[in-house]
């Protein structure tokens, strides 16, 4: 992938960032769609990070409405690290799908997309 991955934390770093907002890069593996008690859609995601470690995410209704999934691929994820039953995951607040060659396109001036405020 031609995308600078230096400023994303790996899944292995979640424990030391418990309760903090982090930014990660992950490849979408699968989604589980569910409904809240108020019948609002939400979902749970599973991603792979650059080291091949699995990342579990939760996308509550507001976040899912504002940042819907767009097929499989790489996503920049920003959210709060949470822990339940000894398992760390990320409550996603912002998300954006990125293209495989996005950085190369930026260098040539053919794309202007950025994830603002992430």
C-alpha atoms as a PDB file:
ATOM      1  CA  UNK A   1       0.000   0.000   0.000  1.00  0.00           C
ATOM      2  CA  UNK A   2       1.344   3.419  -0.918  1.00  0.00           C
ATOM      3  CA  UNK A   3       0.056   5.211   2.163  1.00  0.00           C
ATOM      4  CA  UNK A   4       2.214   6.597   4.991  1.00  0.00           C
ATOM      5  CA  UNK A   5       1.333   4.417   7.966  1.00  0.00           C
ATOM      6  CA  UNK A   6       3.723   5.960  10.496  1.00  0.00           C
ATOM      7  CA  UNK A   7       1.127   7.978  12.447  1.00  0.00           C
ATOM      8  CA  UNK A   8      -1.400   5.142  12.972  1.00  0.00           C
ATOM      9  CA  UNK A   9      -1.156   3.086  16.121  1.00  0.00           C
ATOM     10  CA  UNK A  10      -1.065  -0.691  15.723  1.00  0.00           C
ATOM     11  CA  UNK A  11      -3.603  -2.953  17.436  1.00  0.00           C
ATOM     12  CA  UNK A  12      -0.827  -4.016  19.827  1.00  0.00           C
ATOM     13  CA  UNK A  13      -0.844  -0.434  21.182  1.00  0.00           C
ATOM     14  CA  UNK A  14      -4.526  -0.372  22.199  1.00  0.00           C
ATOM     15  CA  UNK A  15      -3.996  -1.514  25.809  1.00  0.00           C
ATOM     16  CA  UNK A  16      -1.712   1.397  26.664  1.00  0.00           C
ATOM     17  CA  UNK A  17      -4.218   3.805  25.092  1.00  0.00           C
ATOM     18  CA  UNK A  18      -7.296   2.629  26.994  1.00  0.00           C
ATOM     19  CA  UNK A  19      -9.793   5.495  27.264  1.00  0.00           C
ATOM     20  CA  UNK A  20      -7.910   7.637  24.754  1.00  0.00           C
ATOM     21  CA  UNK A  21      -8.843   8.648  21.228  1.00  0.00           C
ATOM     22  CA  UNK A  22      -6.625   6.978  18.638  1.00  0.00           C
ATOM     23  CA  UNK A  23      -6.292   6.806  14.864  1.00  0.00           C
ATOM     24  CA  UNK A  24      -5.762   3.473  13.142  1.00  0.00           C
ATOM     25  CA  UNK A  25      -5.530   2.140   9.619  1.00  0.00           C
ATOM     26  CA  UNK A  26      -7.278  -1.148   8.957  1.00  0.00           C
ATOM     27  CA  UNK A  27      -8.398  -3.434   6.180  1.00  0.00           C
ATOM     28  CA  UNK A  28     -12.073  -4.377   6.528  1.00  0.00           C
ATOM     29  CA  UNK A  29     -12.542  -8.127   7.025  1.00  0.00           C
ATOM     30  CA  UNK A  30     -16.196  -8.433   8.051  1.00  0.00           C
ATOM     31  CA  UNK A  31     -19.206  -6.605   9.504  1.00  0.00           C
ATOM     32  CA  UNK A  32     -22.047  -7.676  11.757  1.00  0.00           C
ATOM     33  CA  UNK A  33     -25.149  -5.502  11.402  1.00  0.00           C
ATOM     34  CA  UNK A  34     -27.479  -5.271  14.406  1.00  0.00           C
ATOM     35  CA  UNK A  35     -30.254  -3.011  15.695  1.00  0.00           C
ATOM     36  CA  UNK A  36     -30.440  -1.089  18.952  1.00  0.00           C
ATOM     37  CA  UNK A  37     -33.405  -1.297  21.336  1.00  0.00           C
ATOM     38  CA  UNK A  38     -34.766   1.747  19.446  1.00  0.00           C
ATOM     39  CA  UNK A  39     -34.451  -0.199  16.157  1.00  0.00           C
ATOM     40  CA  UNK A  40     -31.594   1.959  14.897  1.00  0.00           C
ATOM     41  CA  UNK A  41     -28.927   0.245  12.767  1.00  0.00           C
ATOM     42  CA  UNK A  42     -25.419  -0.124  14.147  1.00  0.00           C
ATOM     43  CA  UNK A  43     -22.642  -2.599  13.491  1.00  0.00           C
ATOM     44  CA  UNK A  44     -19.515  -4.305  14.713  1.00  0.00           C
ATOM     45  CA  UNK A  45     -16.495  -4.441  12.441  1.00  0.00           C
ATOM     46  CA  UNK A  46     -13.371  -6.554  12.220  1.00  0.00           C
ATOM     47  CA  UNK A  47     -10.276  -5.151  10.536  1.00  0.00           C
ATOM     48  CA  UNK A  48      -6.640  -6.190  10.061  1.00  0.00           C
ATOM     49  CA  UNK A  49      -3.876  -3.722  10.889  1.00  0.00           C
ATOM     50  CA  UNK A  50      -0.497  -3.465   9.126  1.00  0.00           C
ATOM     51  CA  UNK A  51       0.960  -6.179  11.374  1.00  0.00           C
ATOM     52  CA  UNK A  52      -1.839  -8.632  10.590  1.00  0.00           C
ATOM     53  CA  UNK A  53      -3.471  -8.227  14.014  1.00  0.00           C
ATOM     54  CA  UNK A  54      -7.265  -8.181  14.287  1.00  0.00           C
ATOM     55  CA  UNK A  55      -9.058  -5.004  15.354  1.00  0.00           C
ATOM     56  CA  UNK A  56     -12.632  -5.074  16.633  1.00  0.00           C
ATOM     57  CA  UNK A  57     -14.707  -1.926  16.240  1.00  0.00           C
ATOM     58  CA  UNK A  58     -18.158  -0.745  17.268  1.00  0.00           C
ATOM     59  CA  UNK A  59     -20.116   1.720  15.131  1.00  0.00           C
ATOM     60  CA  UNK A  60     -23.054   3.178  17.052  1.00  0.00           C
ATOM     61  CA  UNK A  61     -26.019   4.585  15.084  1.00  0.00           C
ATOM     62  CA  UNK A  62     -24.865   8.217  14.927  1.00  0.00           C
ATOM     63  CA  UNK A  63     -21.375   7.257  13.773  1.00  0.00           C
ATOM     64  CA  UNK A  64     -22.694   4.731  11.259  1.00  0.00           C
ATOM     65  CA  UNK A  65     -25.100   7.323   9.774  1.00  0.00           C
ATOM     66  CA  UNK A  66     -22.362   9.912   9.395  1.00  0.00           C
ATOM     67  CA  UNK A  67     -19.640   7.511   8.252  1.00  0.00           C
ATOM     68  CA  UNK A  68     -21.188   4.542   6.414  1.00  0.00           C
ATOM     69  CA  UNK A  69     -19.127   1.656   5.085  1.00  0.00           C
ATOM     70  CA  UNK A  70     -18.265   1.658   1.375  1.00  0.00           C
ATOM     71  CA  UNK A  71     -17.379  -1.938   0.469  1.00  0.00           C
ATOM     72  CA  UNK A  72     -14.242  -3.711   1.609  1.00  0.00           C
ATOM     73  CA  UNK A  73     -10.852  -2.057   1.572  1.00  0.00           C
ATOM     74  CA  UNK A  74      -8.678   0.144   3.753  1.00  0.00           C
ATOM     75  CA  UNK A  75     -10.214   2.564   6.247  1.00  0.00           C
ATOM     76  CA  UNK A  76      -8.802   5.268   8.482  1.00  0.00           C
ATOM     77  CA  UNK A  77     -10.565   4.894  11.836  1.00  0.00           C
ATOM     78  CA  UNK A  78     -10.647   7.370  14.694  1.00  0.00           C
ATOM     79  CA  UNK A  79     -12.238   6.534  18.010  1.00  0.00           C
ATOM     80  CA  UNK A  80     -11.969   5.785  21.688  1.00  0.00           C
ATOM     81  CA  UNK A  81     -10.222   2.646  22.926  1.00  0.00           C
ATOM     82  CA  UNK A  82     -12.578   0.595  25.086  1.00  0.00           C
ATOM     83  CA  UNK A  83     -12.221  -2.718  26.920  1.00  0.00           C
ATOM     84  CA  UNK A  84     -14.773  -5.344  27.798  1.00  0.00           C
ATOM     85  CA  UNK A  85     -13.986  -8.759  29.297  1.00  0.00           C
ATOM     86  CA  UNK A  86     -10.271  -8.223  28.651  1.00  0.00           C
ATOM     87  CA  UNK A  87     -10.757  -7.504  24.932  1.00  0.00           C
ATOM     88  CA  UNK A  88      -9.779  -4.120  23.529  1.00  0.00           C
ATOM     89  CA  UNK A  89     -11.759  -2.511  20.731  1.00  0.00           C
ATOM     90  CA  UNK A  90     -12.429   0.934  19.282  1.00  0.00           C
ATOM     91  CA  UNK A  91     -15.682   2.903  19.513  1.00  0.00           C
ATOM     92  CA  UNK A  92     -15.411   4.595  16.106  1.00  0.00           C
ATOM     93  CA  UNK A  93     -16.284   8.297  15.963  1.00  0.00           C
ATOM     94  CA  UNK A  94     -14.971   9.016  12.442  1.00  0.00           C
ATOM     95  CA  UNK A  95     -14.054   6.847   9.517  1.00  0.00           C
ATOM     96  CA  UNK A  96     -13.010   7.203   5.897  1.00  0.00           C
ATOM     97  CA  UNK A  97     -12.299   4.640   3.213  1.00  0.00           C
ATOM     98  CA  UNK A  98      -9.068   5.242   1.370  1.00  0.00           C
ATOM     99  CA  UNK A  99      -7.951   3.986  -2.001  1.00  0.00           C
ATOM    100  CA  UNK A 100      -5.085   1.582  -2.392  1.00  0.00           C
ATOM    101  CA  UNK A 101      -3.001   4.129  -4.315  1.00  0.00           C
ATOM    102  CA  UNK A 102      -4.289   7.271  -2.624  1.00  0.00           C
ATOM    103  CA  UNK A 103      -0.902   8.747  -1.680  1.00  0.00           C
ATOM    104  CA  UNK A 104       0.433   8.270  -5.214  1.00  0.00           C
ATOM    105  CA  UNK A 105      -2.595  10.133  -6.584  1.00  0.00           C
ATOM    106  CA  UNK A 106      -2.045  12.972  -4.094  1.00  0.00           C
ATOM    107  CA  UNK A 107       1.545  13.346  -5.295  1.00  0.00           C
ATOM    108  CA  UNK A 108       0.366  13.721  -8.896  1.00  0.00           C
ATOM    109  CA  UNK A 109      -2.397  16.166  -7.939  1.00  0.00           C
ATOM    110  CA  UNK A 110      -5.269  13.957  -9.080  1.00  0.00           C
ATOM    111  CA  UNK A 111      -6.973  13.688  -5.692  1.00  0.00           C
ATOM    112  CA  UNK A 112      -7.663  16.244  -2.984  1.00  0.00           C
ATOM    113  CA  UNK A 113      -9.340  14.045  -0.322  1.00  0.00           C
ATOM    114  CA  UNK A 114      -8.198  14.245   3.271  1.00  0.00           C
ATOM    115  CA  UNK A 115      -9.691  13.078   6.519  1.00  0.00           C
ATOM    116  CA  UNK A 116     -10.267  16.434   8.167  1.00  0.00           C
ATOM    117  CA  UNK A 117      -9.722  16.756  11.904  1.00  0.00           C
ATOM    118  CA  UNK A 118      -8.625  13.147  12.319  1.00  0.00           C
END
